[in-house]
PDB file of N, CA and C in Angstrom:
ATOM      1  N   UNK A   1     212.962 133.956 132.333  1.00  0.00           N
ATOM      2  CA  UNK A   1     211.664 134.242 132.933  1.00  0.00           C
ATOM      3  C   UNK A   1     211.311 135.703 132.692  1.00  0.00           C
ATOM      4  N   UNK A   2     210.081 135.893 132.409  1.00  0.00           N
ATOM      5  CA  UNK A   2     209.586 137.236 132.201  1.00  0.00           C
ATOM      6  C   UNK A   2     208.079 137.241 132.342  1.00  0.00           C
ATOM      7  N   UNK A   3     207.491 138.387 132.192  1.00  0.00           N
ATOM      8  CA  UNK A   3     206.041 138.511 132.283  1.00  0.00           C
ATOM      9  C   UNK A   3     205.445 138.414 130.889  1.00  0.00           C
ATOM     10  N   UNK A   4     204.523 137.473 130.718  1.00  0.00           N
ATOM     11  CA  UNK A   4     203.817 137.333 129.442  1.00  0.00           C
ATOM     12  C   UNK A   4     202.950 138.576 129.234  1.00  0.00           C
ATOM     13  N   UNK A   5     203.030 139.159 128.063  1.00  0.00           N
ATOM     14  CA  UNK A   5     202.294 140.393 127.800  1.00  0.00           C
ATOM     15  C   UNK A   5     200.812 140.159 127.545  1.00  0.00           C
ATOM     16  N   UNK A   6     200.405 138.892 127.397  1.00  0.00           N
ATOM     17  CA  UNK A   6     198.992 138.605 127.173  1.00  0.00           C
ATOM     18  C   UNK A   6     198.291 138.193 128.467  1.00  0.00           C
ATOM     19  N   UNK A   7     198.838 137.198 129.166  1.00  0.00           N
ATOM     20  CA  UNK A   7     198.192 136.717 130.392  1.00  0.00           C
ATOM     21  C   UNK A   7     198.761 137.350 131.659  1.00  0.00           C
ATOM     22  N   UNK A   8     199.857 138.087 131.554  1.00  0.00           N
ATOM     23  CA  UNK A   8     200.487 138.814 132.662  1.00  0.00           C
ATOM     24  C   UNK A   8     201.051 137.916 133.754  1.00  0.00           C
ATOM     25  N   UNK A   9     201.322 136.640 133.448  1.00  0.00           N
ATOM     26  CA  UNK A   9     201.910 135.736 134.427  1.00  0.00           C
ATOM     27  C   UNK A   9     203.419 135.662 134.220  1.00  0.00           C
ATOM     28  N   UNK A  10     204.136 135.369 135.309  1.00  0.00           N
ATOM     29  CA  UNK A  10     205.590 135.208 135.232  1.00  0.00           C
ATOM     30  C   UNK A  10     205.888 133.804 134.714  1.00  0.00           C
ATOM     31  N   UNK A  11     206.391 133.732 133.479  1.00  0.00           N
ATOM     32  CA  UNK A  11     206.704 132.463 132.830  1.00  0.00           C
ATOM     33  C   UNK A  11     207.866 132.677 131.874  1.00  0.00           C
ATOM     34  N   UNK A  12     208.370 131.571 131.357  1.00  0.00           N
ATOM     35  CA  UNK A  12     209.359 131.665 130.284  1.00  0.00           C
ATOM     36  C   UNK A  12     208.637 132.194 129.043  1.00  0.00           C
ATOM     37  N   UNK A  13     209.208 133.204 128.406  1.00  0.00           N
ATOM     38  CA  UNK A  13     208.549 133.839 127.261  1.00  0.00           C
ATOM     39  C   UNK A  13     209.495 133.894 126.070  1.00  0.00           C
ATOM     40  N   UNK A  14     208.908 134.104 124.901  1.00  0.00           N
ATOM     41  CA  UNK A  14     209.647 134.344 123.655  1.00  0.00           C
ATOM     42  C   UNK A  14     208.975 135.511 122.949  1.00  0.00           C
ATOM     43  N   UNK A  15     209.782 136.271 122.242  1.00  0.00           N
ATOM     44  CA  UNK A  15     209.251 137.359 121.442  1.00  0.00           C
ATOM     45  C   UNK A  15     208.738 136.768 120.127  1.00  0.00           C
ATOM     46  N   UNK A  16     207.442 136.903 119.880  1.00  0.00           N
ATOM     47  CA  UNK A  16     206.836 136.381 118.659  1.00  0.00           C
ATOM     48  C   UNK A  16     206.037 137.474 117.972  1.00  0.00           C
ATOM     49  N   UNK A  17     205.839 137.288 116.686  1.00  0.00           N
ATOM     50  CA  UNK A  17     205.053 138.219 115.891  1.00  0.00           C
ATOM     51  C   UNK A  17     204.214 137.408 114.910  1.00  0.00           C
ATOM     52  N   UNK A  18     202.890 137.501 115.042  1.00  0.00           N
ATOM     53  CA  UNK A  18     201.974 136.812 114.143  1.00  0.00           C
ATOM     54  C   UNK A  18     201.212 137.846 113.333  1.00  0.00           C
ATOM     55  N   UNK A  19     200.893 137.486 112.084  1.00  0.00           N
ATOM     56  CA  UNK A  19     200.192 138.392 111.179  1.00  0.00           C
ATOM     57  C   UNK A  19     198.989 137.685 110.581  1.00  0.00           C
ATOM     58  N   UNK A  20     197.951 138.468 110.288  1.00  0.00           N
ATOM     59  CA  UNK A  20     196.803 137.916 109.569  1.00  0.00           C
ATOM     60  C   UNK A  20     196.309 138.947 108.575  1.00  0.00           C
ATOM     61  N   UNK A  21     195.751 138.443 107.515  1.00  0.00           N
ATOM     62  CA  UNK A  21     195.250 139.266 106.436  1.00  0.00           C
ATOM     63  C   UNK A  21     193.746 139.080 106.341  1.00  0.00           C
ATOM     64  N   UNK A  22     193.023 140.170 106.218  1.00  0.00           N
ATOM     65  CA  UNK A  22     191.591 140.108 105.954  1.00  0.00           C
ATOM     66  C   UNK A  22     191.407 140.654 104.550  1.00  0.00           C
ATOM     67  N   UNK A  23     191.106 139.751 103.632  1.00  0.00           N
ATOM     68  CA  UNK A  23     190.955 140.152 102.244  1.00  0.00           C
ATOM     69  C   UNK A  23     189.544 140.621 101.958  1.00  0.00           C
ATOM     70  N   UNK A  24     189.445 141.703 101.226  1.00  0.00           N
ATOM     71  CA  UNK A  24     188.170 142.191 100.711  1.00  0.00           C
ATOM     72  C   UNK A  24     188.363 142.281  99.206  1.00  0.00           C
ATOM     73  N   UNK A  25     187.337 142.275  98.445  1.00  0.00           N
ATOM     74  CA  UNK A  25     187.485 142.154  97.001  1.00  0.00           C
ATOM     75  C   UNK A  25     188.352 143.252  96.379  1.00  0.00           C
ATOM     76  N   UNK A  26     188.290 144.455  96.899  1.00  0.00           N
ATOM     77  CA  UNK A  26     189.100 145.532  96.333  1.00  0.00           C
ATOM     78  C   UNK A  26     190.076 146.145  97.335  1.00  0.00           C
ATOM     79  N   UNK A  27     190.096 145.632  98.560  1.00  0.00           N
ATOM     80  CA  UNK A  27     190.991 146.159  99.586  1.00  0.00           C
ATOM     81  C   UNK A  27     191.412 145.007 100.490  1.00  0.00           C
ATOM     82  N   UNK A  28     192.289 145.306 101.413  1.00  0.00           N
ATOM     83  CA  UNK A  28     192.696 144.311 102.401  1.00  0.00           C
ATOM     84  C   UNK A  28     193.088 145.027 103.684  1.00  0.00           C
ATOM     85  N   UNK A  29     193.096 144.283 104.756  1.00  0.00           N
ATOM     86  CA  UNK A  29     193.482 144.829 106.053  1.00  0.00           C
ATOM     87  C   UNK A  29     194.454 143.845 106.694  1.00  0.00           C
ATOM     88  N   UNK A  30     195.568 144.328 107.157  1.00  0.00           N
ATOM     89  CA  UNK A  30     196.593 143.496 107.780  1.00  0.00           C
ATOM     90  C   UNK A  30     196.602 143.755 109.281  1.00  0.00           C
ATOM     91  N   UNK A  31     196.487 142.685 110.072  1.00  0.00           N
ATOM     92  CA  UNK A  31     196.530 142.770 111.527  1.00  0.00           C
ATOM     93  C   UNK A  31     197.763 142.020 112.004  1.00  0.00           C
ATOM     94  N   UNK A  32     198.321 142.453 113.116  1.00  0.00           N
ATOM     95  CA  UNK A  32     199.471 141.733 113.663  1.00  0.00           C
ATOM     96  C   UNK A  32     199.486 141.861 115.180  1.00  0.00           C
ATOM     97  N   UNK A  33     200.175 140.911 115.792  1.00  0.00           N
ATOM     98  CA  UNK A  33     200.416 140.957 117.221  1.00  0.00           C
ATOM     99  C   UNK A  33     201.895 140.664 117.430  1.00  0.00           C
ATOM    100  N   UNK A  34     202.493 141.357 118.365  1.00  0.00           N
ATOM    101  CA  UNK A  34     203.916 141.226 118.611  1.00  0.00           C
ATOM    102  C   UNK A  34     204.148 141.390 120.093  1.00  0.00           C
ATOM    103  N   UNK A  35     204.941 140.496 120.673  1.00  0.00           N
ATOM    104  CA  UNK A  35     205.248 140.665 122.085  1.00  0.00           C
ATOM    105  C   UNK A  35     205.900 139.450 122.692  1.00  0.00           C
ATOM    106  N   UNK A  36     206.228 139.578 123.962  1.00  0.00           N
ATOM    107  CA  UNK A  36     206.806 138.494 124.739  1.00  0.00           C
ATOM    108  C   UNK A  36     205.657 137.659 125.289  1.00  0.00           C
ATOM    109  N   UNK A  37     205.507 136.436 124.749  1.00  0.00           N
ATOM    110  CA  UNK A  37     204.394 135.580 125.123  1.00  0.00           C
ATOM    111  C   UNK A  37     204.885 134.260 125.687  1.00  0.00           C
ATOM    112  N   UNK A  38     204.092 133.686 126.597  1.00  0.00           N
ATOM    113  CA  UNK A  38     204.386 132.357 127.130  1.00  0.00           C
ATOM    114  C   UNK A  38     203.898 131.303 126.137  1.00  0.00           C
ATOM    115  N   UNK A  39     204.216 130.047 126.415  1.00  0.00           N
ATOM    116  CA  UNK A  39     203.864 128.964 125.494  1.00  0.00           C
ATOM    117  C   UNK A  39     202.348 128.863 125.293  1.00  0.00           C
ATOM    118  N   UNK A  40     201.568 128.973 126.368  1.00  0.00           N
ATOM    119  CA  UNK A  40     200.112 128.878 126.261  1.00  0.00           C
ATOM    120  C   UNK A  40     199.541 129.988 125.383  1.00  0.00           C
ATOM    121  N   UNK A  41     200.029 131.188 125.571  1.00  0.00           N
ATOM    122  CA  UNK A  41     199.532 132.323 124.787  1.00  0.00           C
ATOM    123  C   UNK A  41     200.010 132.254 123.343  1.00  0.00           C
ATOM    124  N   UNK A  42     201.197 131.688 123.119  1.00  0.00           N
ATOM    125  CA  UNK A  42     201.680 131.493 121.747  1.00  0.00           C
ATOM    126  C   UNK A  42     200.744 130.542 121.019  1.00  0.00           C
ATOM    127  N   UNK A  43     200.358 129.432 121.675  1.00  0.00           N
ATOM    128  CA  UNK A  43     199.408 128.493 121.068  1.00  0.00           C
ATOM    129  C   UNK A  43     198.098 129.203 120.730  1.00  0.00           C
ATOM    130  N   UNK A  44     197.594 129.936 121.694  1.00  0.00           N
ATOM    131  CA  UNK A  44     196.297 130.611 121.539  1.00  0.00           C
ATOM    132  C   UNK A  44     196.319 131.590 120.361  1.00  0.00           C
ATOM    133  N   UNK A  45     197.322 132.455 120.323  1.00  0.00           N
ATOM    134  CA  UNK A  45     197.401 133.466 119.262  1.00  0.00           C
ATOM    135  C   UNK A  45     197.687 132.835 117.893  1.00  0.00           C
ATOM    136  N   UNK A  46     198.527 131.800 117.865  1.00  0.00           N
ATOM    137  CA  UNK A  46     198.830 131.139 116.598  1.00  0.00           C
ATOM    138  C   UNK A  46     197.561 130.585 115.969  1.00  0.00           C
ATOM    139  N   UNK A  47     196.787 129.824 116.723  1.00  0.00           N
ATOM    140  CA  UNK A  47     195.588 129.216 116.152  1.00  0.00           C
ATOM    141  C   UNK A  47     194.519 130.251 115.829  1.00  0.00           C
ATOM    142  N   UNK A  48     194.441 131.315 116.600  1.00  0.00           N
ATOM    143  CA  UNK A  48     193.501 132.398 116.291  1.00  0.00           C
ATOM    144  C   UNK A  48     193.861 133.055 114.953  1.00  0.00           C
ATOM    145  N   UNK A  49     195.133 133.385 114.781  1.00  0.00           N
ATOM    146  CA  UNK A  49     195.561 134.067 113.565  1.00  0.00           C
ATOM    147  C   UNK A  49     195.506 133.137 112.355  1.00  0.00           C
ATOM    148  N   UNK A  50     195.896 131.877 112.512  1.00  0.00           N
ATOM    149  CA  UNK A  50     195.866 130.946 111.384  1.00  0.00           C
ATOM    150  C   UNK A  50     194.423 130.679 110.953  1.00  0.00           C
ATOM    151  N   UNK A  51     193.519 130.502 111.893  1.00  0.00           N
ATOM    152  CA  UNK A  51     192.113 130.273 111.562  1.00  0.00           C
ATOM    153  C   UNK A  51     191.510 131.439 110.797  1.00  0.00           C
ATOM    154  N   UNK A  52     191.786 132.637 111.257  1.00  0.00           N
ATOM    155  CA  UNK A  52     191.245 133.812 110.569  1.00  0.00           C
ATOM    156  C   UNK A  52     191.918 134.019 109.220  1.00  0.00           C
ATOM    157  N   UNK A  53     193.206 133.668 109.104  1.00  0.00           N
ATOM    158  CA  UNK A  53     193.869 133.734 107.800  1.00  0.00           C
ATOM    159  C   UNK A  53     193.199 132.792 106.808  1.00  0.00           C
ATOM    160  N   UNK A  54     192.915 131.573 107.245  1.00  0.00           N
ATOM    161  CA  UNK A  54     192.297 130.605 106.349  1.00  0.00           C
ATOM    162  C   UNK A  54     190.877 130.994 105.972  1.00  0.00           C
ATOM    163  N   UNK A  55     190.124 131.543 106.919  1.00  0.00           N
ATOM    164  CA  UNK A  55     188.729 131.879 106.677  1.00  0.00           C
ATOM    165  C   UNK A  55     188.552 133.216 105.954  1.00  0.00           C
ATOM    166  N   UNK A  56     189.287 134.227 106.372  1.00  0.00           N
ATOM    167  CA  UNK A  56     189.074 135.578 105.856  1.00  0.00           C
ATOM    168  C   UNK A  56     190.185 136.077 104.934  1.00  0.00           C
ATOM    169  N   UNK A  57     191.276 135.346 104.831  1.00  0.00           N
ATOM    170  CA  UNK A  57     192.446 135.838 104.127  1.00  0.00           C
ATOM    171  C   UNK A  57     192.372 135.918 102.624  1.00  0.00           C
ATOM    172  N   UNK A  58     191.951 134.858 101.925  1.00  0.00           N
ATOM    173  CA  UNK A  58     192.162 134.831 100.477  1.00  0.00           C
ATOM    174  C   UNK A  58     191.118 135.559  99.619  1.00  0.00           C
ATOM    175  N   UNK A  59     190.341 136.458 100.173  1.00  0.00           N
ATOM    176  CA  UNK A  59     189.321 137.150  99.397  1.00  0.00           C
ATOM    177  C   UNK A  59     189.908 138.399  98.742  1.00  0.00           C
ATOM    178  N   UNK A  60     190.261 138.298  97.506  1.00  0.00           N
ATOM    179  CA  UNK A  60     190.865 139.396  96.758  1.00  0.00           C
ATOM    180  C   UNK A  60     192.131 138.906  96.081  1.00  0.00           C
ATOM    181  N   UNK A  61     192.513 139.541  94.993  1.00  0.00           N
ATOM    182  CA  UNK A  61     193.636 139.068  94.195  1.00  0.00           C
ATOM    183  C   UNK A  61     194.961 139.148  94.963  1.00  0.00           C
ATOM    184  N   UNK A  62     195.289 140.306  95.511  1.00  0.00           N
ATOM    185  CA  UNK A  62     196.541 140.441  96.254  1.00  0.00           C
ATOM    186  C   UNK A  62     196.508 139.595  97.525  1.00  0.00           C
ATOM    187  N   UNK A  63     195.357 139.554  98.164  1.00  0.00           N
ATOM    188  CA  UNK A  63     195.213 138.757  99.377  1.00  0.00           C
ATOM    189  C   UNK A  63     195.370 137.271  99.091  1.00  0.00           C
ATOM    190  N   UNK A  64     194.956 136.832  97.930  1.00  0.00           N
ATOM    191  CA  UNK A  64     195.118 135.433  97.535  1.00  0.00           C
ATOM    192  C   UNK A  64     196.593 135.052  97.464  1.00  0.00           C
ATOM    193  N   UNK A  65     197.438 136.002  97.115  1.00  0.00           N
ATOM    194  CA  UNK A  65     198.880 135.761  97.063  1.00  0.00           C
ATOM    195  C   UNK A  65     199.547 135.952  98.425  1.00  0.00           C
ATOM    196  N   UNK A  66     199.062 136.887  99.214  1.00  0.00           N
ATOM    197  CA  UNK A  66     199.679 137.220 100.497  1.00  0.00           C
ATOM    198  C   UNK A  66     199.363 136.203 101.588  1.00  0.00           C
ATOM    199  N   UNK A  67     198.153 135.676 101.602  1.00  0.00           N
ATOM    200  CA  UNK A  67     197.725 134.785 102.681  1.00  0.00           C
ATOM    201  C   UNK A  67     198.613 133.550 102.833  1.00  0.00           C
ATOM    202  N   UNK A  68     198.971 132.824 101.763  1.00  0.00           N
ATOM    203  CA  UNK A  68     199.858 131.663 101.958  1.00  0.00           C
ATOM    204  C   UNK A  68     201.226 132.042 102.523  1.00  0.00           C
ATOM    205  N   UNK A  69     201.724 133.202 102.163  1.00  0.00           N
ATOM    206  CA  UNK A  69     203.005 133.668 102.708  1.00  0.00           C
ATOM    207  C   UNK A  69     202.883 133.884 104.209  1.00  0.00           C
ATOM    208  N   UNK A  70     201.797 134.505 104.646  1.00  0.00           N
ATOM    209  CA  UNK A  70     201.587 134.740 106.073  1.00  0.00           C
ATOM    210  C   UNK A  70     201.380 133.427 106.821  1.00  0.00           C
ATOM    211  N   UNK A  71     200.704 132.461 106.205  1.00  0.00           N
ATOM    212  CA  UNK A  71     200.511 131.155 106.840  1.00  0.00           C
ATOM    213  C   UNK A  71     201.854 130.467 107.101  1.00  0.00           C
ATOM    214  N   UNK A  72     202.728 130.510 106.118  1.00  0.00           N
ATOM    215  CA  UNK A  72     204.054 129.895 106.270  1.00  0.00           C
ATOM    216  C   UNK A  72     204.884 130.664 107.293  1.00  0.00           C
ATOM    217  N   UNK A  73     204.844 131.982 107.229  1.00  0.00           N
ATOM    218  CA  UNK A  73     205.618 132.806 108.167  1.00  0.00           C
ATOM    219  C   UNK A  73     205.152 132.582 109.605  1.00  0.00           C
ATOM    220  N   UNK A  74     203.841 132.554 109.828  1.00  0.00           N
ATOM    221  CA  UNK A  74     203.320 132.308 111.176  1.00  0.00           C
ATOM    222  C   UNK A  74     203.699 130.925 111.681  1.00  0.00           C
ATOM    223  N   UNK A  75     203.644 129.931 110.801  1.00  0.00           N
ATOM    224  CA  UNK A  75     204.005 128.571 111.190  1.00  0.00           C
ATOM    225  C   UNK A  75     205.481 128.490 111.581  1.00  0.00           C
ATOM    226  N   UNK A  76     206.337 129.130 110.818  1.00  0.00           N
ATOM    227  CA  UNK A  76     207.768 129.141 111.135  1.00  0.00           C
ATOM    228  C   UNK A  76     208.018 129.828 112.479  1.00  0.00           C
ATOM    229  N   UNK A  77     207.389 130.957 112.713  1.00  0.00           N
ATOM    230  CA  UNK A  77     207.532 131.679 113.983  1.00  0.00           C
ATOM    231  C   UNK A  77     207.060 130.809 115.147  1.00  0.00           C
ATOM    232  N   UNK A  78     205.931 130.150 114.955  1.00  0.00           N
ATOM    233  CA  UNK A  78     205.349 129.281 115.975  1.00  0.00           C
ATOM    234  C   UNK A  78     206.284 128.128 116.320  1.00  0.00           C
ATOM    235  N   UNK A  79     206.786 127.435 115.307  1.00  0.00           N
ATOM    236  CA  UNK A  79     207.648 126.282 115.534  1.00  0.00           C
ATOM    237  C   UNK A  79     208.975 126.675 116.183  1.00  0.00           C
ATOM    238  N   UNK A  80     209.547 127.788 115.762  1.00  0.00           N
ATOM    239  CA  UNK A  80     210.798 128.260 116.360  1.00  0.00           C
ATOM    240  C   UNK A  80     210.581 128.631 117.828  1.00  0.00           C
ATOM    241  N   UNK A  81     209.482 129.320 118.122  1.00  0.00           N
ATOM    242  CA  UNK A  81     209.201 129.707 119.508  1.00  0.00           C
ATOM    243  C   UNK A  81     208.980 128.481 120.383  1.00  0.00           C
ATOM    244  N   UNK A  82     208.242 127.498 119.880  1.00  0.00           N
ATOM    245  CA  UNK A  82     208.018 126.286 120.672  1.00  0.00           C
ATOM    246  C   UNK A  82     209.311 125.515 120.886  1.00  0.00           C
ATOM    247  N   UNK A  83     210.173 125.500 119.891  1.00  0.00           N
ATOM    248  CA  UNK A  83     211.452 124.816 120.037  1.00  0.00           C
ATOM    249  C   UNK A  83     212.302 125.488 121.117  1.00  0.00           C
ATOM    250  N   UNK A  84     212.326 126.790 121.131  1.00  0.00           N
ATOM    251  CA  UNK A  84     213.125 127.507 122.116  1.00  0.00           C
ATOM    252  C   UNK A  84     212.523 127.424 123.527  1.00  0.00           C
ATOM    253  N   UNK A  85     211.222 127.159 123.617  1.00  0.00           N
ATOM    254  CA  UNK A  85     210.562 127.026 124.925  1.00  0.00           C
ATOM    255  C   UNK A  85     210.340 125.564 125.295  1.00  0.00           C
ATOM    256  N   UNK A  86     210.999 124.638 124.620  1.00  0.00           N
ATOM    257  CA  UNK A  86     210.746 123.208 124.817  1.00  0.00           C
ATOM    258  C   UNK A  86     211.033 122.742 126.243  1.00  0.00           C
ATOM    259  N   UNK A  87     211.958 123.346 126.940  1.00  0.00           N
ATOM    260  CA  UNK A  87     212.293 122.940 128.304  1.00  0.00           C
ATOM    261  C   UNK A  87     211.652 123.827 129.365  1.00  0.00           C
ATOM    262  N   UNK A  88     210.834 124.755 128.952  1.00  0.00           N
ATOM    263  CA  UNK A  88     210.212 125.689 129.902  1.00  0.00           C
ATOM    264  C   UNK A  88     209.121 124.991 130.707  1.00  0.00           C
ATOM    265  N   UNK A  89     209.031 125.337 131.952  1.00  0.00           N
ATOM    266  CA  UNK A  89     208.008 124.787 132.849  1.00  0.00           C
ATOM    267  C   UNK A  89     206.810 125.731 132.813  1.00  0.00           C
ATOM    268  N   UNK A  90     205.660 125.152 132.597  1.00  0.00           N
ATOM    269  CA  UNK A  90     204.418 125.953 132.557  1.00  0.00           C
ATOM    270  C   UNK A  90     203.804 126.060 133.916  1.00  0.00           C
TER     271      UNK A  90
END
Protein backbone atom coordinates (compact mmCIF):
# COMPACT_ATOMS: atom_id res chain seq x y z
CA UNK A 1 0.00 0.00 0.00
CA UNK A 2 1.15 3.44 -0.81
CA UNK A 3 -0.06 6.79 -2.02
CA UNK A 4 -0.71 7.05 -5.76
CA UNK A 5 1.26 10.01 -7.08
CA UNK A 6 -1.49 10.92 -9.56
CA UNK A 7 -4.78 10.63 -7.63
CA UNK A 8 -3.20 10.89 -4.13
CA UNK A 9 -5.29 8.00 -2.74
CA UNK A 10 -3.95 5.22 -0.53
CA UNK A 11 -3.94 2.14 -2.77
CA UNK A 12 -1.71 -0.65 -3.95
CA UNK A 13 0.75 0.98 -6.36
CA UNK A 14 3.48 0.02 -8.83
CA UNK A 15 6.33 2.09 -10.15
CA UNK A 16 5.69 2.62 -13.87
CA UNK A 17 7.25 4.72 -16.59
CA UNK A 18 5.43 5.57 -19.82
CA UNK A 19 6.91 7.46 -22.77
CA UNK A 20 5.47 9.21 -25.80
CA UNK A 21 7.01 10.74 -28.85
CA UNK A 22 5.73 13.79 -30.70
CA UNK A 23 7.22 13.68 -34.15
CA UNK A 24 7.73 16.80 -36.21
CA UNK A 25 9.15 16.67 -39.71
CA UNK A 26 12.62 17.85 -38.71
CA UNK A 27 12.51 17.50 -34.91
CA UNK A 28 10.88 15.45 -32.19
CA UNK A 29 9.87 15.84 -28.58
CA UNK A 30 9.91 13.03 -26.03
CA UNK A 31 7.55 13.14 -23.03
CA UNK A 32 7.49 10.71 -20.13
CA UNK A 33 5.76 10.06 -16.85
CA UNK A 34 7.25 8.06 -14.02
CA UNK A 35 5.92 7.29 -10.58
CA UNK A 36 4.07 5.09 -8.15
CA UNK A 37 0.59 4.74 -9.63
CA UNK A 38 -2.53 2.77 -8.73
CA UNK A 39 -4.26 0.47 -11.21
CA UNK A 40 -6.82 3.11 -12.27
CA UNK A 41 -4.16 5.72 -12.93
CA UNK A 42 -1.99 3.19 -14.77
CA UNK A 43 -4.92 2.52 -17.13
CA UNK A 44 -5.53 6.23 -17.60
CA UNK A 45 -1.90 7.14 -18.34
CA UNK A 46 -1.31 4.10 -20.56
CA UNK A 47 -4.20 4.90 -22.88
CA UNK A 48 -3.36 8.61 -22.91
CA UNK A 49 0.26 7.95 -23.90
CA UNK A 50 -0.56 5.19 -26.41
CA UNK A 51 -3.22 7.32 -28.12
CA UNK A 52 -0.89 10.28 -28.48
CA UNK A 53 1.91 7.99 -29.68
CA UNK A 54 -0.33 6.63 -32.42
CA UNK A 55 -1.68 10.03 -33.43
CA UNK A 56 1.36 12.29 -33.05
CA UNK A 57 4.30 9.89 -32.95
CA UNK A 58 5.26 8.80 -36.45
CA UNK A 59 5.71 12.23 -38.08
CA UNK A 60 9.37 12.35 -39.08
CA UNK A 61 11.99 9.82 -40.11
CA UNK A 62 13.53 9.11 -36.69
CA UNK A 63 10.13 9.31 -35.04
CA UNK A 64 8.79 6.74 -37.49
CA UNK A 65 11.38 4.31 -36.12
CA UNK A 66 11.10 5.33 -32.45
CA UNK A 67 7.31 5.28 -32.07
CA UNK A 68 6.82 1.49 -32.51
CA UNK A 69 9.56 0.86 -29.94
CA UNK A 70 7.81 3.12 -27.43
CA UNK A 71 4.46 1.44 -28.16
CA UNK A 72 5.92 -1.98 -27.36
CA UNK A 73 7.80 -0.70 -24.30
CA UNK A 74 4.68 1.00 -22.89
CA UNK A 75 2.60 -2.12 -23.50
CA UNK A 76 5.14 -4.32 -21.71
CA UNK A 77 5.28 -1.91 -18.74
CA UNK A 78 1.48 -1.80 -18.62
CA UNK A 79 1.02 -5.58 -18.71
CA UNK A 80 3.71 -6.22 -16.09
CA UNK A 81 2.21 -3.60 -13.75
CA UNK A 82 -1.29 -5.03 -14.14
CA UNK A 83 0.00 -8.54 -13.50
CA UNK A 84 1.71 -7.46 -10.29
CA UNK A 85 -1.45 -5.60 -9.16
CA UNK A 86 -3.81 -8.45 -10.13
CA UNK A 87 -4.82 -9.16 -6.51
CA UNK A 88 -4.98 -5.53 -5.39
CA UNK A 89 -8.27 -4.20 -4.09
CA UNK A 90 -9.40 -0.95 -5.66
